[in-house]
Structure formats: C-alpha cells, structure tokens
Protein backbone atom coordinates (compact mmCIF):
# COMPACT_ATOMS: atom_id res chain seq x y z
CA MET A 1 93.53 156.10 179.52
CA LYS A 2 92.33 159.73 178.51
CA VAL A 3 94.41 161.85 176.34
CA PHE A 4 94.11 165.55 175.21
CA ILE A 5 96.04 166.78 172.77
CA VAL A 6 95.46 170.26 172.52
CA HIS A 7 96.47 172.80 170.24
CA ALA A 8 96.04 176.50 169.21
CA SER A 9 95.09 176.97 165.16
CA ALA A 10 97.71 180.97 165.56
CA GLY A 11 100.55 178.96 163.07
CA ALA A 12 100.69 176.02 161.75
CA GLY A 13 103.37 174.11 163.83
CA HIS A 14 101.41 173.79 166.53
CA LEU A 15 98.60 171.78 165.00
CA LYS A 16 101.51 169.65 162.99
CA ALA A 17 103.33 168.54 166.27
CA ALA A 18 99.89 167.49 167.58
CA GLN A 19 98.90 165.29 164.67
CA ALA A 20 102.20 163.91 164.95
CA VAL A 21 101.47 162.95 168.43
CA TYR A 22 97.65 162.16 168.07
CA ASN A 23 98.40 160.07 164.91
CA HIS A 24 100.99 157.91 166.92
CA LEU A 25 98.79 157.23 169.90
CA LYS A 26 96.14 156.35 167.52
CA GLU A 27 98.19 154.01 165.74
CA ASN A 28 100.44 152.12 168.55
CA TYR A 29 97.94 152.93 171.57
CA LYS A 30 94.85 152.04 170.21
CA ASP A 31 93.15 151.56 174.08
CA THR A 32 93.70 154.99 174.40
CA ASP A 33 91.08 157.69 174.33
CA ALA A 34 92.82 160.48 172.30
CA ARG A 35 91.39 163.62 171.42
CA LEU A 36 92.87 166.55 169.18
CA ILE A 37 91.32 169.70 169.89
CA ASP A 38 92.20 173.35 169.00
CA ILE A 39 91.78 175.16 172.05
CA LEU A 40 91.01 178.38 169.88
CA ASP A 41 87.41 176.17 168.73
CA GLN A 42 86.98 176.47 172.55
CA THR A 43 86.71 180.44 172.69
CA ASN A 44 84.58 183.39 172.05
CA ALA A 45 84.40 184.27 168.48
CA LEU A 46 86.23 187.46 168.49
CA PHE A 47 89.04 186.05 170.91
CA ARG A 48 89.58 183.60 168.43
CA PHE A 49 89.27 185.52 165.32
CA ASN A 50 92.14 188.21 166.68
CA TYR A 51 94.13 185.08 168.13
CA LYS A 52 94.13 183.49 164.42
CA TRP A 53 94.47 186.74 162.35
CA GLY A 54 96.11 189.07 164.19
CA TYR A 55 99.44 186.92 164.28
CA SER A 56 99.52 186.07 160.80
CA TRP A 57 98.64 190.15 159.96
CA LEU A 58 101.15 190.97 161.93
CA ILE A 59 103.80 189.00 161.05
CA LYS A 60 103.10 189.28 157.33
CA SER A 61 101.76 193.50 157.33
CA VAL A 62 103.78 194.72 160.60
CA PRO A 63 106.48 192.49 161.63
CA LEU A 64 108.14 195.64 163.74
CA LEU A 65 105.36 195.71 165.57
CA TRP A 66 105.41 192.02 166.17
CA GLN A 67 108.96 191.66 167.05
CA TRP A 68 108.36 194.99 169.80
CA ALA A 69 105.26 192.73 170.81
CA PHE A 70 107.74 189.92 171.53
CA TRP A 71 110.56 191.78 173.08
CA VAL A 72 108.29 193.73 175.61
CA THR A 73 106.65 190.10 176.51
CA TYR A 74 109.87 188.44 177.05
CA SER A 75 111.40 191.60 179.37
CA ARG A 76 112.22 190.10 182.87
CA PRO A 77 111.20 193.22 184.33
CA LEU A 78 108.09 193.93 182.65
CA ARG A 79 106.83 190.21 183.06
CA ILE A 80 105.49 190.95 186.37
CA ILE A 81 102.98 193.21 184.98
CA ILE A 82 102.36 191.61 181.12
CA ARG A 83 102.09 188.07 182.54
CA PRO A 84 99.13 188.79 184.72
CA LEU A 85 97.33 191.21 182.34
CA ALA A 86 97.85 188.24 179.68
CA SER A 87 96.45 185.66 181.79
CA LEU A 88 93.67 187.81 182.70
CA VAL A 89 92.65 187.77 179.34
CA ASN A 90 93.35 184.21 178.63
CA LYS A 91 90.66 183.32 181.33
CA LEU A 92 87.67 185.54 180.26
CA ASN A 93 88.21 184.40 176.58
CA THR A 94 88.66 180.24 177.28
CA GLY A 95 85.74 179.49 179.77
CA LYS A 96 84.14 176.96 177.65
CA PHE A 97 87.90 175.36 177.04
CA ARG A 98 88.00 175.37 180.84
CA ARG A 99 84.55 173.41 181.20
CA LEU A 100 85.45 170.88 178.92
CA LEU A 101 88.73 169.99 181.00
CA ILE A 102 86.71 170.04 184.31
CA LYS A 103 83.93 168.04 182.68
CA GLU A 104 86.13 165.41 181.32
CA ASN A 105 89.17 165.69 183.56
CA PRO A 106 91.87 163.31 180.74
CA ASP A 107 94.75 161.69 182.44
CA PHE A 108 96.94 163.49 180.32
CA ILE A 109 96.82 166.76 178.83
CA ILE A 110 99.22 167.14 175.60
CA SER A 111 99.90 170.91 175.11
CA THR A 112 101.80 172.13 171.58
CA HIS A 113 100.77 175.93 172.61
CA PHE A 114 101.45 178.16 175.69
CA LEU A 115 97.94 179.54 175.78
CA SER A 116 96.29 175.74 176.61
CA SER A 117 98.75 174.87 178.55
CA GLU A 118 98.54 177.86 180.59
CA ILE A 119 94.74 177.32 181.31
CA ALA A 120 94.89 173.84 181.71
CA VAL A 121 98.05 174.32 184.78
CA TYR A 122 95.40 176.57 186.42
CA LEU A 123 92.84 174.62 186.81
CA LYS A 124 95.58 172.04 187.94
CA ASN A 125 96.90 174.76 191.01
CA SER A 126 92.83 175.05 191.55
CA ASN A 127 92.32 171.58 192.37
CA LYS A 128 89.71 171.63 189.35
CA ILE A 129 91.39 169.22 187.38
CA SER A 130 93.67 166.08 188.18
CA SER A 131 95.34 165.79 184.83
CA LYS A 132 99.23 165.56 183.89
CA VAL A 133 99.89 168.62 181.92
CA ILE A 134 102.72 167.69 179.53
CA THR A 135 103.75 171.51 177.37
CA VAL A 136 105.64 170.50 173.85
CA ILE A 137 107.30 173.46 173.21
CA THR A 138 107.64 173.72 169.16
CA ASP A 139 110.42 176.45 168.72
CA PHE A 140 113.84 175.79 169.89
CA GLY A 141 114.00 179.06 171.83
CA VAL A 142 111.42 179.64 174.94
CA HIS A 143 109.82 182.96 175.08
CA PRO A 144 108.17 182.98 178.82
CA PHE A 145 104.52 182.79 178.14
CA TRP A 146 105.65 178.51 177.81
CA LEU A 147 106.84 178.62 181.39
CA SER A 148 103.60 178.11 183.73
CA LYS A 149 104.54 177.01 187.06
CA GLY A 150 102.82 173.65 187.95
CA THR A 151 103.46 171.93 184.11
CA ASP A 152 104.49 168.24 184.92
CA VAL A 153 106.73 168.19 182.26
CA TYR A 154 108.67 170.22 179.60
CA ILE A 155 109.28 168.52 175.91
CA ALA A 156 112.42 170.27 174.74
CA ALA A 157 113.36 170.70 171.00
CA SER A 158 116.98 170.22 171.88
CA GLY A 159 119.94 170.71 174.99
CA PHE A 160 119.64 174.60 173.89
CA THR A 161 116.12 174.65 174.80
CA LYS A 162 116.50 172.51 177.74
CA LYS A 163 119.01 175.20 178.58
CA LEU A 164 116.80 178.04 178.89
CA LEU A 165 114.37 176.38 180.70
CA LEU A 166 116.77 175.40 183.46
CA SER A 167 118.13 179.32 183.42
CA GLU A 168 114.14 180.17 183.96
CA GLY A 169 114.39 177.93 187.02
CA VAL A 170 112.56 174.94 185.62
CA GLU A 171 113.44 171.69 187.42
CA GLU A 172 115.64 169.52 185.17
CA ALA A 173 113.26 166.72 186.36
CA ARG A 174 110.57 168.49 184.46
CA ILE A 175 112.41 168.60 181.34
CA ARG A 176 112.62 165.53 178.96
CA GLU A 177 114.95 166.48 175.42
CA LEU A 178 112.69 164.75 172.96
CA GLY A 179 112.88 167.07 170.05
CA ILE A 180 109.41 168.65 168.30
CA PRO A 181 106.96 165.83 167.24
CA ILE A 182 107.08 165.41 163.28
CA ASP A 183 104.80 163.40 160.97
CA ALA A 184 105.99 159.94 160.41
CA LYS A 185 106.26 160.33 156.62
CA PHE A 186 109.72 162.48 157.54
CA LEU A 187 111.06 159.29 159.16
CA LYS A 188 111.44 156.97 156.22
CA ASN A 189 114.20 155.92 154.00
CA TYR A 190 113.32 157.25 150.30
CA SER A 191 114.73 155.76 146.80
CA LYS A 192 115.80 159.48 145.71
CA ALA A 193 115.86 157.44 142.21
CA ASP A 194 112.31 156.41 142.34
CA LEU A 195 111.01 160.14 143.63
CA CYS A 196 113.04 162.00 140.99
CA GLY A 197 111.28 159.69 138.81
CA LYS A 198 108.11 160.47 139.96
CA LEU A 199 108.42 164.02 140.66
CA GLY A 200 110.13 164.62 137.02
CA VAL A 201 113.28 165.94 138.05
CA GLY A 202 117.27 164.91 137.74
CA ALA A 203 118.08 162.51 140.06
CA ASP A 204 121.91 163.73 139.27
CA LYS A 205 121.95 167.42 139.64
CA PHE A 206 122.24 169.04 142.80
CA THR A 207 118.93 170.47 144.12
CA VAL A 208 117.50 173.25 146.38
CA LEU A 209 114.07 172.86 147.73
CA ILE A 210 113.24 176.75 148.22
CA MET A 211 109.54 176.95 150.75
CA THR A 212 108.93 179.86 153.22
CA GLY A 213 105.87 179.10 154.47
CA SER A 214 102.47 179.27 153.93
CA PHE A 215 102.45 182.91 152.80
CA GLY A 216 105.61 182.40 150.43
CA ILE A 217 107.14 185.29 151.21
CA GLY A 218 111.17 186.69 150.97
CA PRO A 219 112.98 187.50 147.69
CA ILE A 220 111.96 183.90 146.26
CA ARG A 221 111.63 185.20 142.29
CA GLU A 222 115.28 187.06 142.73
CA ILE A 223 116.80 183.61 144.12
CA VAL A 224 115.38 181.84 141.00
CA ASP A 225 116.69 183.93 138.58
CA LEU A 226 120.13 184.00 140.09
CA LEU A 227 120.29 180.39 140.52
CA TYR A 228 117.99 178.71 137.95
CA LYS A 229 121.42 178.41 135.81
CA ASP A 230 123.61 176.57 138.01
CA VAL A 231 121.19 174.20 140.34
CA GLN A 232 117.55 172.50 140.02
CA ILE A 233 115.69 174.21 141.39
CA LEU A 234 111.98 173.08 143.62
CA VAL A 235 109.65 175.66 144.62
CA VAL A 236 106.61 175.87 146.88
CA CYS A 237 104.61 178.77 146.64
CA ALA A 238 101.72 177.31 148.91
CA ARG A 239 99.23 180.67 148.97
CA ASN A 240 100.91 182.92 147.22
CA LYS A 241 99.49 182.84 144.05
CA LYS A 242 101.07 185.68 142.37
CA LEU A 243 104.41 184.20 142.90
CA TYR A 244 102.90 180.79 141.47
CA ILE A 245 101.79 182.03 138.19
CA ASP A 246 104.87 184.10 137.52
CA LEU A 247 107.01 181.08 137.95
CA LYS A 248 105.14 179.25 135.97
CA ALA A 249 104.74 181.68 133.47
CA LYS A 250 108.72 182.08 133.29
CA ASN A 251 109.03 178.48 132.25
CA TYR A 252 112.85 178.03 133.48
CA GLN A 253 114.79 175.09 132.97
CA ASN A 254 115.73 173.30 136.30
CA VAL A 255 112.82 174.64 137.84
CA LYS A 256 109.60 172.85 139.56
CA VAL A 257 107.19 175.36 140.59
CA TYR A 258 104.32 174.03 143.28
CA ASP A 259 101.62 175.77 145.05
CA PHE A 260 100.01 173.93 148.15
CA ILE A 261 101.47 170.29 148.30
CA ASP A 262 100.98 167.41 150.61
CA ASN A 263 104.24 165.37 149.78
CA ILE A 264 106.75 168.43 150.91
CA HIS A 265 108.58 164.85 152.07
CA GLU A 266 109.13 163.65 148.82
CA LEU A 267 110.53 167.13 147.52
CA MET A 268 112.58 166.95 150.40
CA ALA A 269 114.31 163.63 150.46
CA VAL A 270 115.58 164.53 146.43
CA SER A 271 116.86 167.62 147.38
CA ASP A 272 120.38 168.54 149.29
CA MET A 273 119.86 172.00 150.46
CA ILE A 274 116.56 173.51 151.84
CA VAL A 275 116.40 177.42 151.94
CA THR A 276 113.66 178.22 154.12
CA LYS A 277 112.26 180.33 157.29
CA PRO A 278 113.60 178.65 160.24
CA GLY A 279 109.88 177.53 161.98
CA GLY A 280 110.27 174.97 164.67
CA LEU A 281 108.71 172.36 163.16
CA SER A 282 110.04 172.82 159.46
CA ILE A 283 113.74 172.71 161.50
CA SER A 284 112.74 169.18 163.11
CA GLU A 285 111.30 168.03 159.26
CA LEU A 286 114.64 169.30 157.69
CA LEU A 287 116.35 167.49 160.63
CA ALA A 288 114.77 164.63 160.09
CA MET A 289 115.76 164.78 156.32
CA GLU A 290 118.79 165.55 156.66
CA LEU A 291 118.83 169.03 154.78
CA VAL A 292 121.53 171.51 154.66
CA PRO A 293 119.21 174.62 155.73
CA VAL A 294 119.73 178.34 154.45
CA PHE A 295 117.50 180.63 157.04
CA ILE A 296 115.40 183.52 155.44
CA SER A 297 112.94 185.90 156.42
CA PRO A 298 112.58 185.21 160.04
CA ILE A 299 109.94 186.20 162.42
CA PRO A 300 111.50 188.29 164.48
CA GLY A 301 111.66 186.57 168.26
CA GLN A 302 111.35 182.48 168.07
CA GLU A 303 112.22 182.02 164.56
CA THR A 304 115.46 183.94 164.95
CA ALA A 305 115.73 182.52 168.24
CA ASN A 306 116.09 179.33 166.59
CA ILE A 307 118.50 180.40 164.13
CA GLU A 308 121.00 181.43 167.17
CA ALA A 309 119.88 177.34 168.40
CA LEU A 310 120.88 175.98 165.06
CA LYS A 311 124.07 178.17 165.09
CA SER A 312 125.09 176.71 168.19
CA TYR A 313 125.19 173.60 167.02
CA GLY A 314 126.91 174.71 163.41
CA VAL A 315 124.00 174.46 161.41
CA GLY A 316 122.63 176.29 159.23
CA GLU A 317 123.41 180.07 157.80
CA ARG A 318 121.12 182.96 157.77
CA ALA A 319 121.10 185.26 154.30
CA ASP A 320 119.32 188.25 153.87
CA ASN A 321 119.21 188.94 150.69
CA ALA A 322 119.27 186.92 147.09
CA PRO A 323 123.22 187.13 146.42
CA ASP A 324 124.08 186.16 149.48
CA ILE A 325 121.80 182.84 148.79
CA GLU A 326 123.17 182.28 145.77
CA ALA A 327 126.86 182.42 147.10
CA ILE A 328 126.06 179.94 149.86
CA VAL A 329 124.56 177.58 147.81
CA LEU A 330 127.16 178.08 145.20
CA HIS A 331 130.04 177.45 147.69
CA TYR A 332 127.68 174.21 149.11
CA LYS A 333 127.41 172.65 145.88
CA GLU A 334 131.20 173.21 144.60
CA HIS A 335 132.28 171.95 148.45
CA LYS A 336 130.29 168.73 148.52
CA GLU A 337 132.96 167.72 151.72
CA ASP A 338 131.57 171.17 153.54
CA LEU A 339 127.89 169.74 152.51
CA ALA A 340 128.67 166.36 153.81
CA GLY A 341 130.25 167.85 157.59
CA VAL A 342 127.12 169.88 157.71
CA LYS A 343 124.83 166.88 156.77
CA GLU A 344 127.41 165.08 159.55
CA LYS A 345 126.56 167.47 162.62
CA ILE A 346 122.65 167.51 161.93
CA ARG A 347 122.99 163.49 162.46
CA LYS A 348 124.42 164.52 165.93
CA ILE A 349 121.91 166.81 166.73
CA LYS A 350 118.57 165.84 165.12
CA LYS A 351 115.58 163.79 167.14
CA PRO A 352 113.29 162.80 164.80
CA PHE A 353 111.58 160.19 167.29
CA ALA A 354 109.86 162.89 169.57
CA ALA A 355 106.03 161.84 168.70
CA GLU A 356 107.20 158.13 169.51
CA GLU A 357 109.23 158.82 172.29
CA LEU A 358 106.61 161.29 174.09
CA CYS A 359 103.60 158.67 173.35
CA ASP A 360 105.60 156.08 175.26
CA VAL A 361 106.52 158.94 178.08
CA VAL A 362 102.50 158.93 178.65
CA CYS A 363 101.49 155.55 178.18
CA LYS A 364 104.42 153.66 179.27
CA ASP A 365 106.32 155.67 182.09
CA SER A 366 103.65 158.14 183.46
CA PRO A 367 104.03 156.38 187.06
CA GLY A 368 107.28 158.50 186.85
CA LEU A 369 106.00 161.68 185.67
CA SER A 370 107.01 164.86 188.00
CA GLY A 371 104.60 166.53 189.56
C-alpha cells in the first residue's frame, strides 16, 4: 500500500503532525510504502516563497492585516467569490504536485494542510486519481479552506471541531474525532526526579514553562521579571536571539534559558504550567503532558479559535499582559486544588493517540472509509 503524507512548510504545526503520522507508519507498518512530502517543494519558486515567508511576515509584522484576511476568507457571503479565486491560484501554481499525484496515484493521501487537500480532492473529483483523501485539521477551529467536497475523511481535533464540521455540512460518517497527531515522545511516562537532575532544576519547585513559538514573541521579559522570585521558570527563546542573550545576561535565580532545543517534552514533563501561544500542535502536546496552560499572543483567527475551543472545556486562560499572567500563575501556585481540577478536565479531553489511531484507520479499517 502506498501512502503519501503531505504537509506545507508554512507554520511548524503542519509538518510536525505529518511527521508524527509518517513515523508511526514507518515504525509499525513496515510493509507500507510511506512518503513524507512538502507540497511547497512541488510548486514554483515565487509561490513557494510567498507561501512560506509571506505567512511568517504577516503574523509577525502585520497581524491586523492577517486578521482581516482570515475573516474575509471566513465570511460566508464572500466565500462564493473568494474560494474559486483562491482555488484557481492554487491550481495554477501546483502543476508539479498534480503531476506527481497522477503519476503515483497513491492508495491514500493524508494531508495536514488545506492546500494539499484541495489539490488532491480536485484530482479525485476529476477522475485523475483514485486515492482516498484524509484531511487532518491541525487546529481546533475550522476555516472554510479546510473544506473540500469529496474528502473521504476529516480528522477532527475535538468534539468542538466536529460540531463545526457538521455545521458546515460535512457528513458525520466522514468525521473521525481522533485529535491532532503528535510525536510519540509526548506520550511516554517520565520520572520527574530523573529529568530534574538531568536538566539541573529543582524537583520540589512550582515550575512554569514559557514558550511562544519559533519567534519568541510576547512580553516574555516582563513575565520573567515579575515571576522569577516566586516560581521556577524555564524559558524557550527559539529564534529570538536578542531575548536569549538578554535573559542569559540577567542570570536570574530560578530561571533556565534555552534557545532552540529538541527536548521540549522533557521541559514539559517537569513543569506544572505553561505560558504559550495557542497553536493546534502546541495545545495537543501540552494536553498530552497534562500541563495547565495560559495563552498569550494568539495569531488572530485560527489561534483565537483554539482558545475558544479549549475554553468550552474549561481549560486554559488567555492573558494579554504580564501582570495578568503573574496573577494567574500565582493563583494556581497557591491553590493547588484548582490546578488539579484543570488537570482533571484535561484528562477528559486529551487525545494523545491520534497518530496511532489514524494509521489504524488507514491500514486496518480502509474498506470502511467513506467515499
């Protein structure tokens, strides 16, 4: 069986979800011919550049413009105009990808980005491929670009997501509420004492992890200034080199500062709370690790929808400034019963085995798929 797992390198979440599915297939279904593909590698250079860097530039530099674009494309009255135009642009710029799918005609196309879903479904509806198309929605909300008539299965992050799909007219038989696929390292049970020894942090201290995506945006300096005397802080600065240098120079007690790391699961395992941007993958990972979240600096649109979804389950709080974050963190430090209450809610909604269950759908349950 041939399976293409397709993502787009516009935002890290799409790739991470695709990698989780690919890795599980390779490790557990060795007879499956699985390929991990970035659709943007199969497009022309100008389209690829605009898709990759245009998105990053907008959300970092002109978030209000991104918010406007998100809601204009979300608007029901405008969809009849915007969606056909967007589809035309996508088809004109993905000729290489279309030719690849037609040539290979895989049994399954598992897509973690709406662009690849749209193109795959277009080819299927045109009888140019016979592949089953599975769309993994990597947020808890549902932008209409995720919806392509002819998709065989939608993988929903939560019951909240499923309800949105149903409200958009998707048949219930085509929806599987499995969650967003995450790496297996977030599923393991870790010894907190052993990890604290490895990381050089106190095992008996209330610990807050701060990470705000690859750009390290948000009032992180102010948060650390306000909290370092009261709690142990782990800060991941990622690409924000200035932030990393500044915080290292301050040499705060109770603060560990990191740049790019590949062991975020270990930092999560020793933490009680997390201050983070509400990306779909980040949320799925922190739920798997049962961390109580405080959300900051959301990308307008998809990330504010993620906050709304978690709020409907009584999980997570949004804070717009450092003093608000300080108040929330100190409340949970002083009221452990409230912290335990949120963790109990997390246990009821987390879906950590999405990658495994999706692969089972493909490799064991494929005759029962819709379409």
